[in-house]
Amino acid sequence: MKRRHHTPEQIVRKLREADRMLGEGTALVEVCKHLEVTEQTYYRWRNQYGGMKADDAKRLKELEKENARLKRIVADQALDIDMLKELNRGNF
């Protein structure tokens, strides 16, 4: 089965729908089947996006992406600094 990638807006929408269905007394298994996700995915989404609005979830994803990019930049700079220190010592 092919994996689907949901946008943060879709996730928040599905979580709201799940809350509505659970409030009506539908079993979690049936809710997950209706949303076409596993229970594990539902719980992961609820922990990560629970109580967020679509804009908040989108901003969270953007910040996570920016954070990963900045971490890569810092790692590259640390490698460059180590390389320059080795060259300065004459151990090349």
Protein backbone atom coordinates (compact mmCIF):
# COMPACT_ATOMS: atom_id res chain seq x y z
CA MET A 1 0.00 0.00 0.00
CA LYS A 2 1.32 3.43 -0.95
CA ARG A 3 2.09 5.86 1.84
CA ARG A 4 0.26 9.14 1.96
CA HIS A 5 1.77 12.35 3.15
CA HIS A 6 -0.73 14.66 4.76
CA THR A 7 -0.28 18.40 5.07
CA PRO A 8 -0.57 19.93 8.53
CA GLU A 9 -3.92 21.45 7.53
CA GLN A 10 -5.25 18.03 6.52
CA ILE A 11 -4.05 16.50 9.78
CA VAL A 12 -5.76 19.18 11.88
CA ARG A 13 -8.96 18.75 9.85
CA LYS A 14 -8.90 14.97 10.34
CA LEU A 15 -8.27 15.34 14.07
CA ARG A 16 -11.27 17.66 14.40
CA GLU A 17 -13.41 15.18 12.51
CA ALA A 18 -12.14 12.37 14.76
CA ASP A 19 -13.01 14.38 17.88
CA ARG A 20 -16.51 14.97 16.53
CA MET A 21 -17.01 11.28 15.73
CA LEU A 22 -15.63 10.16 19.09
CA GLY A 23 -17.96 12.64 20.80
CA GLU A 24 -20.87 10.98 19.03
CA GLY A 25 -19.84 7.64 20.53
CA THR A 26 -18.11 6.06 17.53
CA ALA A 27 -15.39 3.56 18.43
CA LEU A 28 -11.79 4.63 17.81
CA VAL A 29 -11.23 1.71 15.43
CA GLU A 30 -14.11 2.89 13.26
CA VAL A 31 -12.93 6.50 13.38
CA CYS A 32 -9.44 5.50 12.24
CA LYS A 33 -10.92 3.38 9.47
CA HIS A 34 -13.04 6.33 8.32
CA LEU A 35 -10.00 8.67 8.38
CA GLU A 36 -7.91 6.00 6.59
CA VAL A 37 -5.12 6.10 9.20
CA THR A 38 -3.85 3.62 11.76
CA GLU A 39 -4.45 4.06 15.48
CA GLN A 40 -0.74 4.66 15.95
CA THR A 41 -0.85 7.51 13.42
CA TYR A 42 -3.93 8.97 15.10
CA TYR A 43 -2.23 9.01 18.50
CA ARG A 44 0.99 10.44 17.04
CA TRP A 45 -0.95 13.20 15.30
CA ARG A 46 -2.97 13.91 18.45
CA ASN A 47 0.21 14.26 20.51
CA GLN A 48 1.87 16.50 17.93
CA TYR A 49 -1.06 18.57 16.63
CA GLY A 50 -3.71 18.25 19.34
CA GLY A 51 -5.46 21.54 20.00
CA MET A 52 -3.73 23.38 17.16
CA LYS A 53 -5.34 25.35 14.42
CA ALA A 54 -4.35 24.78 10.80
CA ASP A 55 -2.21 27.94 10.72
CA ASP A 56 -0.36 26.90 13.87
CA ALA A 57 0.37 23.45 12.47
CA LYS A 58 1.64 24.92 9.19
CA ARG A 59 3.91 27.32 11.08
CA LEU A 60 5.22 24.45 13.22
CA LYS A 61 6.24 22.49 10.11
CA GLU A 62 7.94 25.57 8.65
CA LEU A 63 9.88 26.13 11.88
CA GLU A 64 10.94 22.47 12.03
CA LYS A 65 12.24 22.69 8.46
CA GLU A 66 14.11 25.93 9.20
CA ASN A 67 15.58 24.42 12.38
CA ALA A 68 16.89 21.41 10.44
CA ARG A 69 18.45 23.71 7.84
CA LEU A 70 20.18 25.79 10.52
CA LYS A 71 21.49 22.65 12.26
CA ARG A 72 23.07 21.51 8.97
CA ILE A 73 24.72 24.93 8.56
CA VAL A 74 26.16 24.80 12.09
CA ALA A 75 27.46 21.26 11.53
CA ASP A 76 29.16 22.33 8.29
CA GLN A 77 30.75 25.31 10.03
CA ALA A 78 32.01 23.10 12.86
CA LEU A 79 33.64 20.79 10.30
CA ASP A 80 35.25 23.77 8.56
CA ILE A 81 36.62 25.04 11.88
CA ASP A 82 38.08 21.63 12.74
CA MET A 83 39.67 21.40 9.29
CA LEU A 84 41.25 24.86 9.64
CA LYS A 85 42.60 23.96 13.08
CA GLU A 86 44.24 20.84 11.64
CA LEU A 87 45.76 22.84 8.80
CA ASN A 88 47.03 25.44 11.25
CA ARG A 89 48.82 22.75 13.26
CA GLY A 90 50.44 21.40 10.11
CA ASN A 91 48.87 17.94 10.38
CA PHE A 92 47.54 17.48 6.88
